[in-house]
Amino acid sequence: GVRNRLAAVGIYPGARVKVIKTPPGPFIVEVA
């Protein structure tokens, strides 16, 4: 379930992600 939920938004092994914001607050990433 976790892997499928993340894959649905483009987060899967091999993908590149930019970290926009870290805690405190929500952890925000940019994908594609």
PDB file of all heavy atoms in Angstrom:
ATOM      1  N   GLY A   1       0.809  -1.211   0.000  1.00  0.00           N
ATOM      2  CA  GLY A   1       0.000   0.000   0.000  1.00  0.00           C
ATOM      3  C   GLY A   1       0.843   1.261   0.000  1.00  0.00           C
ATOM      4  O   GLY A   1       0.584   2.194  -0.754  1.00  0.00           O
ATOM      5  N   VAL A   2       1.870   1.288   0.834  1.00  0.00           N
ATOM      6  CA  VAL A   2       2.767   2.452   0.900  1.00  0.00           C
ATOM      7  C   VAL A   2       3.505   2.621  -0.416  1.00  0.00           C
ATOM      8  O   VAL A   2       3.576   3.723  -0.968  1.00  0.00           O
ATOM      9  CB  VAL A   2       3.780   2.301   2.067  1.00  0.00           C
ATOM     10  CG1 VAL A   2       4.847   3.373   2.007  1.00  0.00           C
ATOM     11  CG2 VAL A   2       3.061   2.325   3.390  1.00  0.00           C
ATOM     12  N   ARG A   3       4.062   1.540  -0.922  1.00  0.00           N
ATOM     13  CA  ARG A   3       4.817   1.620  -2.189  1.00  0.00           C
ATOM     14  C   ARG A   3       3.916   2.055  -3.347  1.00  0.00           C
ATOM     15  O   ARG A   3       4.310   2.881  -4.165  1.00  0.00           O
ATOM     16  CB  ARG A   3       5.479   0.280  -2.486  1.00  0.00           C
ATOM     17  CG  ARG A   3       6.607  -0.029  -1.515  1.00  0.00           C
ATOM     18  CD  ARG A   3       7.484  -1.178  -1.996  1.00  0.00           C
ATOM     19  NE  ARG A   3       6.728  -2.391  -2.294  1.00  0.00           N
ATOM     20  CZ  ARG A   3       6.562  -3.385  -1.444  1.00  0.00           C
ATOM     21  NH1 ARG A   3       7.069  -3.327  -0.239  1.00  0.00           N
ATOM     22  NH2 ARG A   3       5.873  -4.449  -1.793  1.00  0.00           N
ATOM     23  N   ASN A   4       2.705   1.526  -3.405  1.00  0.00           N
ATOM     24  CA  ASN A   4       1.787   1.901  -4.485  1.00  0.00           C
ATOM     25  C   ASN A   4       1.344   3.358  -4.371  1.00  0.00           C
ATOM     26  O   ASN A   4       1.241   4.053  -5.380  1.00  0.00           O
ATOM     27  CB  ASN A   4       0.558   0.991  -4.504  1.00  0.00           C
ATOM     28  CG  ASN A   4       0.873  -0.385  -5.026  1.00  0.00           C
ATOM     29  OD1 ASN A   4       1.896  -0.615  -5.655  1.00  0.00           O
ATOM     30  ND2 ASN A   4      -0.005  -1.337  -4.747  1.00  0.00           N
ATOM     31  N   ARG A   5       1.084   3.825  -3.158  1.00  0.00           N
ATOM     32  CA  ARG A   5       0.660   5.205  -2.950  1.00  0.00           C
ATOM     33  C   ARG A   5       1.763   6.179  -3.385  1.00  0.00           C
ATOM     34  O   ARG A   5       1.499   7.171  -4.054  1.00  0.00           O
ATOM     35  CB  ARG A   5       0.304   5.418  -1.485  1.00  0.00           C
ATOM     36  CG  ARG A   5      -0.348   6.743  -1.216  1.00  0.00           C
ATOM     37  CD  ARG A   5      -0.844   6.901   0.204  1.00  0.00           C
ATOM     38  NE  ARG A   5      -1.039   5.639   0.909  1.00  0.00           N
ATOM     39  CZ  ARG A   5      -0.831   5.459   2.187  1.00  0.00           C
ATOM     40  NH1 ARG A   5      -0.432   6.443   2.950  1.00  0.00           N
ATOM     41  NH2 ARG A   5      -1.052   4.293   2.746  1.00  0.00           N
ATOM     42  N   LEU A   6       3.006   5.865  -3.023  1.00  0.00           N
ATOM     43  CA  LEU A   6       4.114   6.729  -3.411  1.00  0.00           C
ATOM     44  C   LEU A   6       4.393   6.644  -4.920  1.00  0.00           C
ATOM     45  O   LEU A   6       4.669   7.652  -5.561  1.00  0.00           O
ATOM     46  CB  LEU A   6       5.369   6.374  -2.610  1.00  0.00           C
ATOM     47  CG  LEU A   6       5.293   6.714  -1.116  1.00  0.00           C
ATOM     48  CD1 LEU A   6       6.529   6.191  -0.397  1.00  0.00           C
ATOM     49  CD2 LEU A   6       5.124   8.198  -0.903  1.00  0.00           C
ATOM     50  N   ALA A   7       4.299   5.440  -5.485  1.00  0.00           N
ATOM     51  CA  ALA A   7       4.525   5.275  -6.923  1.00  0.00           C
ATOM     52  C   ALA A   7       3.492   6.047  -7.736  1.00  0.00           C
ATOM     53  O   ALA A   7       3.799   6.577  -8.807  1.00  0.00           O
ATOM     54  CB  ALA A   7       4.493   3.799  -7.303  1.00  0.00           C
ATOM     55  N   ALA A   8       2.285   6.166  -7.220  1.00  0.00           N
ATOM     56  CA  ALA A   8       1.225   6.884  -7.928  1.00  0.00           C
ATOM     57  C   ALA A   8       1.549   8.365  -8.114  1.00  0.00           C
ATOM     58  O   ALA A   8       1.037   8.998  -9.038  1.00  0.00           O
ATOM     59  CB  ALA A   8      -0.109   6.729  -7.187  1.00  0.00           C
ATOM     60  N   VAL A   9       2.392   8.909  -7.229  1.00  0.00           N
ATOM     61  CA  VAL A   9       2.774  10.326  -7.367  1.00  0.00           C
ATOM     62  C   VAL A   9       4.196  10.476  -7.900  1.00  0.00           C
ATOM     63  O   VAL A   9       4.746  11.578  -7.895  1.00  0.00           O
ATOM     64  CB  VAL A   9       2.599  11.099  -6.038  1.00  0.00           C
ATOM     65  CG1 VAL A   9       1.144  11.126  -5.635  1.00  0.00           C
ATOM     66  CG2 VAL A   9       3.475  10.548  -4.934  1.00  0.00           C
ATOM     67  N   GLY A  10       4.805   9.381  -8.332  1.00  0.00           N
ATOM     68  CA  GLY A  10       6.120   9.453  -8.958  1.00  0.00           C
ATOM     69  C   GLY A  10       7.293   9.198  -8.035  1.00  0.00           C
ATOM     70  O   GLY A  10       8.434   9.448  -8.400  1.00  0.00           O
ATOM     71  N   ILE A  11       7.036   8.689  -6.830  1.00  0.00           N
ATOM     72  CA  ILE A  11       8.115   8.386  -5.890  1.00  0.00           C
ATOM     73  C   ILE A  11       8.318   6.875  -5.898  1.00  0.00           C
ATOM     74  O   ILE A  11       7.519   6.126  -5.329  1.00  0.00           O
ATOM     75  CB  ILE A  11       7.778   8.916  -4.485  1.00  0.00           C
ATOM     76  CG1 ILE A  11       7.589  10.435  -4.530  1.00  0.00           C
ATOM     77  CG2 ILE A  11       8.872   8.517  -3.498  1.00  0.00           C
ATOM     78  CD1 ILE A  11       7.128  11.051  -3.227  1.00  0.00           C
ATOM     79  N   TYR A  12       9.379   6.427  -6.560  1.00  0.00           N
ATOM     80  CA  TYR A  12       9.702   5.010  -6.699  1.00  0.00           C
ATOM     81  C   TYR A  12      11.216   4.901  -6.874  1.00  0.00           C
ATOM     82  O   TYR A  12      11.885   5.907  -7.171  1.00  0.00           O
ATOM     83  CB  TYR A  12       8.964   4.387  -7.892  1.00  0.00           C
ATOM     84  CG  TYR A  12       9.121   5.180  -9.161  1.00  0.00           C
ATOM     85  CD1 TYR A  12      10.231   5.014  -9.986  1.00  0.00           C
ATOM     86  CD2 TYR A  12       8.166   6.132  -9.533  1.00  0.00           C
ATOM     87  CE1 TYR A  12      10.384   5.767 -11.140  1.00  0.00           C
ATOM     88  CE2 TYR A  12       8.305   6.871 -10.683  1.00  0.00           C
ATOM     89  CZ  TYR A  12       9.422   6.683 -11.483  1.00  0.00           C
ATOM     90  OH  TYR A  12       9.582   7.441 -12.620  1.00  0.00           O
ATOM     91  N   PRO A  13      11.796   3.721  -6.658  1.00  0.00           N
ATOM     92  CA  PRO A  13      13.251   3.579  -6.793  1.00  0.00           C
ATOM     93  C   PRO A  13      13.736   4.052  -8.162  1.00  0.00           C
ATOM     94  O   PRO A  13      13.167   3.709  -9.197  1.00  0.00           O
ATOM     95  CB  PRO A  13      13.484   2.080  -6.607  1.00  0.00           C
ATOM     96  CG  PRO A  13      12.360   1.671  -5.709  1.00  0.00           C
ATOM     97  CD  PRO A  13      11.176   2.490  -6.169  1.00  0.00           C
ATOM     98  N   GLY A  14      14.772   4.898  -8.137  1.00  0.00           N
ATOM     99  CA  GLY A  14      15.338   5.458  -9.358  1.00  0.00           C
ATOM    100  C   GLY A  14      14.859   6.866  -9.662  1.00  0.00           C
ATOM    101  O   GLY A  14      15.487   7.591 -10.422  1.00  0.00           O
ATOM    102  N   ALA A  15      13.744   7.267  -9.068  1.00  0.00           N
ATOM    103  CA  ALA A  15      13.197   8.615  -9.314  1.00  0.00           C
ATOM    104  C   ALA A  15      14.012   9.654  -8.558  1.00  0.00           C
ATOM    105  O   ALA A  15      14.595   9.379  -7.520  1.00  0.00           O
ATOM    106  CB  ALA A  15      11.743   8.674  -8.874  1.00  0.00           C
ATOM    107  N   ARG A  16      14.048  10.876  -9.108  1.00  0.00           N
ATOM    108  CA  ARG A  16      14.706  12.001  -8.445  1.00  0.00           C
ATOM    109  C   ARG A  16      13.654  12.931  -7.876  1.00  0.00           C
ATOM    110  O   ARG A  16      12.654  13.219  -8.529  1.00  0.00           O
ATOM    111  CB  ARG A  16      15.604  12.736  -9.411  1.00  0.00           C
ATOM    112  CG  ARG A  16      16.804  11.890  -9.775  1.00  0.00           C
ATOM    113  CD  ARG A  16      17.852  12.674 -10.468  1.00  0.00           C
ATOM    114  NE  ARG A  16      19.016  11.821 -10.696  1.00  0.00           N
ATOM    115  CZ  ARG A  16      20.152  12.257 -11.147  1.00  0.00           C
ATOM    116  NH1 ARG A  16      20.291  13.538 -11.441  1.00  0.00           N
ATOM    117  NH2 ARG A  16      21.157  11.438 -11.317  1.00  0.00           N
ATOM    118  N   VAL A  17      13.913  13.384  -6.644  1.00  0.00           N
ATOM    119  CA  VAL A  17      12.964  14.197  -5.895  1.00  0.00           C
ATOM    120  C   VAL A  17      13.704  15.400  -5.333  1.00  0.00           C
ATOM    121  O   VAL A  17      14.825  15.265  -4.854  1.00  0.00           O
ATOM    122  CB  VAL A  17      12.369  13.352  -4.742  1.00  0.00           C
ATOM    123  CG1 VAL A  17      11.509  14.185  -3.835  1.00  0.00           C
ATOM    124  CG2 VAL A  17      11.596  12.163  -5.285  1.00  0.00           C
ATOM    125  N   LYS A  18      13.080  16.569  -5.382  1.00  0.00           N
ATOM    126  CA  LYS A  18      13.662  17.757  -4.766  1.00  0.00           C
ATOM    127  C   LYS A  18      12.952  18.013  -3.448  1.00  0.00           C
ATOM    128  O   LYS A  18      11.729  18.000  -3.385  1.00  0.00           O
ATOM    129  CB  LYS A  18      13.521  18.973  -5.675  1.00  0.00           C
ATOM    130  CG  LYS A  18      14.192  20.196  -5.095  1.00  0.00           C
ATOM    131  CD  LYS A  18      14.210  21.355  -6.058  1.00  0.00           C
ATOM    132  CE  LYS A  18      14.942  22.523  -5.405  1.00  0.00           C
ATOM    133  NZ  LYS A  18      14.964  23.690  -6.263  1.00  0.00           N
ATOM    134  N   VAL A  19      13.733  18.244  -2.404  1.00  0.00           N
ATOM    135  CA  VAL A  19      13.186  18.516  -1.077  1.00  0.00           C
ATOM    136  C   VAL A  19      12.904  20.012  -0.980  1.00  0.00           C
ATOM    137  O   VAL A  19      13.815  20.826  -1.046  1.00  0.00           O
ATOM    138  CB  VAL A  19      14.155  18.071   0.028  1.00  0.00           C
ATOM    139  CG1 VAL A  19      13.582  18.384   1.399  1.00  0.00           C
ATOM    140  CG2 VAL A  19      14.460  16.581  -0.103  1.00  0.00           C
ATOM    141  N   ILE A  20      11.635  20.372  -0.842  1.00  0.00           N
ATOM    142  CA  ILE A  20      11.224  21.776  -0.790  1.00  0.00           C
ATOM    143  C   ILE A  20      11.187  22.279   0.650  1.00  0.00           C
ATOM    144  O   ILE A  20      11.684  23.360   0.945  1.00  0.00           O
ATOM    145  CB  ILE A  20       9.833  21.967  -1.444  1.00  0.00           C
ATOM    146  CG1 ILE A  20       9.849  21.455  -2.886  1.00  0.00           C
ATOM    147  CG2 ILE A  20       9.377  23.411  -1.356  1.00  0.00           C
ATOM    148  CD1 ILE A  20      10.802  22.172  -3.816  1.00  0.00           C
ATOM    149  N   LYS A  21      10.588  21.517   1.555  1.00  0.00           N
ATOM    150  CA  LYS A  21      10.451  21.950   2.948  1.00  0.00           C
ATOM    151  C   LYS A  21      10.570  20.742   3.864  1.00  0.00           C
ATOM    152  O   LYS A  21      10.051  19.678   3.583  1.00  0.00           O
ATOM    153  CB  LYS A  21       9.094  22.629   3.167  1.00  0.00           C
ATOM    154  CG  LYS A  21       8.923  23.201   4.567  1.00  0.00           C
ATOM    155  CD  LYS A  21       7.558  23.845   4.727  1.00  0.00           C
ATOM    156  CE  LYS A  21       7.342  24.359   6.123  1.00  0.00           C
ATOM    157  NZ  LYS A  21       7.546  23.387   7.178  1.00  0.00           N
ATOM    158  N   THR A  22      11.282  20.954   4.970  1.00  0.00           N
ATOM    159  CA  THR A  22      11.443  19.905   5.974  1.00  0.00           C
ATOM    160  C   THR A  22      10.722  20.315   7.251  1.00  0.00           C
ATOM    161  O   THR A  22      10.369  21.476   7.411  1.00  0.00           O
ATOM    162  CB  THR A  22      12.937  19.664   6.265  1.00  0.00           C
ATOM    163  OG1 THR A  22      13.526  20.879   6.720  1.00  0.00           O
ATOM    164  CG2 THR A  22      13.677  19.176   5.029  1.00  0.00           C
ATOM    165  N   PRO A  23      10.497  19.362   8.167  1.00  0.00           N
ATOM    166  CA  PRO A  23       9.816  19.699   9.422  1.00  0.00           C
ATOM    167  C   PRO A  23      10.572  20.777  10.189  1.00  0.00           C
ATOM    168  O   PRO A  23      11.774  20.904  10.025  1.00  0.00           O
ATOM    169  CB  PRO A  23       9.834  18.380  10.185  1.00  0.00           C
ATOM    170  CG  PRO A  23       9.929  17.343   9.116  1.00  0.00           C
ATOM    171  CD  PRO A  23      10.756  17.947   8.041  1.00  0.00           C
ATOM    172  N   PRO A  24       9.897  21.577  11.006  1.00  0.00           N
ATOM    173  CA  PRO A  24       8.525  21.399  11.484  1.00  0.00           C
ATOM    174  C   PRO A  24       7.499  21.701  10.397  1.00  0.00           C
ATOM    175  O   PRO A  24       7.775  22.457   9.467  1.00  0.00           O
ATOM    176  CB  PRO A  24       8.410  22.385  12.642  1.00  0.00           C
ATOM    177  CG  PRO A  24       9.398  23.446  12.331  1.00  0.00           C
ATOM    178  CD  PRO A  24      10.525  22.762  11.583  1.00  0.00           C
ATOM    179  N   GLY A  25       6.342  21.133  10.555  1.00  0.00           N
ATOM    180  CA  GLY A  25       5.300  21.255   9.543  1.00  0.00           C
ATOM    181  C   GLY A  25       5.392  20.088   8.593  1.00  0.00           C
ATOM    182  O   GLY A  25       6.125  19.138   8.829  1.00  0.00           O
ATOM    183  N   PRO A  26       4.668  20.159   7.505  1.00  0.00           N
ATOM    184  CA  PRO A  26       4.682  19.042   6.554  1.00  0.00           C
ATOM    185  C   PRO A  26       6.008  18.940   5.817  1.00  0.00           C
ATOM    186  O   PRO A  26       6.706  19.935   5.635  1.00  0.00           O
ATOM    187  CB  PRO A  26       3.542  19.379   5.588  1.00  0.00           C
ATOM    188  CG  PRO A  26       3.411  20.852   5.678  1.00  0.00           C
ATOM    189  CD  PRO A  26       3.759  21.222   7.091  1.00  0.00           C
ATOM    190  N   PHE A  27       6.358  17.739   5.426  1.00  0.00           N
ATOM    191  CA  PHE A  27       7.545  17.478   4.622  1.00  0.00           C
ATOM    192  C   PHE A  27       7.094  17.594   3.167  1.00  0.00           C
ATOM    193  O   PHE A  27       6.256  16.818   2.722  1.00  0.00           O
ATOM    194  CB  PHE A  27       8.064  16.076   4.936  1.00  0.00           C
ATOM    195  CG  PHE A  27       9.428  15.802   4.401  1.00  0.00           C
ATOM    196  CD1 PHE A  27      10.547  16.132   5.141  1.00  0.00           C
ATOM    197  CD2 PHE A  27       9.597  15.236   3.156  1.00  0.00           C
ATOM    198  CE1 PHE A  27      11.814  15.880   4.655  1.00  0.00           C
ATOM    199  CE2 PHE A  27      10.853  14.994   2.661  1.00  0.00           C
ATOM    200  CZ  PHE A  27      11.968  15.310   3.408  1.00  0.00           C
ATOM    201  N   ILE A  28       7.609  18.562   2.429  1.00  0.00           N
ATOM    202  CA  ILE A  28       7.142  18.810   1.062  1.00  0.00           C
ATOM    203  C   ILE A  28       8.247  18.490   0.070  1.00  0.00           C
ATOM    204  O   ILE A  28       9.384  18.945   0.217  1.00  0.00           O
ATOM    205  CB  ILE A  28       6.666  20.266   0.895  1.00  0.00           C
ATOM    206  CG1 ILE A  28       5.509  20.534   1.859  1.00  0.00           C
ATOM    207  CG2 ILE A  28       6.237  20.536  -0.548  1.00  0.00           C
ATOM    208  CD1 ILE A  28       5.009  21.958   1.870  1.00  0.00           C
ATOM    209  N   VAL A  29       7.894  17.695  -0.951  1.00  0.00           N
ATOM    210  CA  VAL A  29       8.830  17.332  -2.012  1.00  0.00           C
ATOM    211  C   VAL A  29       8.234  17.694  -3.362  1.00  0.00           C
ATOM    212  O   VAL A  29       7.020  17.805  -3.508  1.00  0.00           O
ATOM    213  CB  VAL A  29       9.173  15.825  -1.982  1.00  0.00           C
ATOM    214  CG1 VAL A  29       9.907  15.454  -0.708  1.00  0.00           C
ATOM    215  CG2 VAL A  29       7.944  14.962  -2.148  1.00  0.00           C
ATOM    216  N   GLU A  30       9.120  17.866  -4.333  1.00  0.00           N
ATOM    217  CA  GLU A  30       8.687  18.148  -5.700  1.00  0.00           C
ATOM    218  C   GLU A  30       9.126  16.990  -6.586  1.00  0.00           C
ATOM    219  O   GLU A  30      10.296  16.606  -6.570  1.00  0.00           O
ATOM    220  CB  GLU A  30       9.309  19.458  -6.192  1.00  0.00           C
ATOM    221  CG  GLU A  30       8.844  19.851  -7.586  1.00  0.00           C
ATOM    222  CD  GLU A  30       9.390  21.208  -7.980  1.00  0.00           C
ATOM    223  OE1 GLU A  30      10.503  21.242  -8.523  1.00  0.00           O
ATOM    224  OE2 GLU A  30       8.712  22.215  -7.731  1.00  0.00           O
ATOM    225  N   VAL A  31       8.176  16.448  -7.332  1.00  0.00           N
ATOM    226  CA  VAL A  31       8.433  15.330  -8.232  1.00  0.00           C
ATOM    227  C   VAL A  31       7.855  15.692  -9.588  1.00  0.00           C
ATOM    228  O   VAL A  31       6.648  15.949  -9.692  1.00  0.00           O
ATOM    229  CB  VAL A  31       7.760  14.028  -7.724  1.00  0.00           C
ATOM    230  CG1 VAL A  31       8.100  12.867  -8.632  1.00  0.00           C
ATOM    231  CG2 VAL A  31       8.133  13.732  -6.299  1.00  0.00           C
ATOM    232  N   ALA A  32       8.696  15.752 -10.600  1.00  0.00           N
ATOM    233  CA  ALA A  32       8.252  16.033 -11.972  1.00  0.00           C
ATOM    234  C   ALA A  32       7.366  17.276 -12.049  1.00  0.00           C
ATOM    235  O   ALA A  32       6.332  17.278 -12.708  1.00  0.00           O
ATOM    236  CB  ALA A  32       7.529  14.819 -12.555  1.00  0.00           C
TER     237      ALA A  32
END
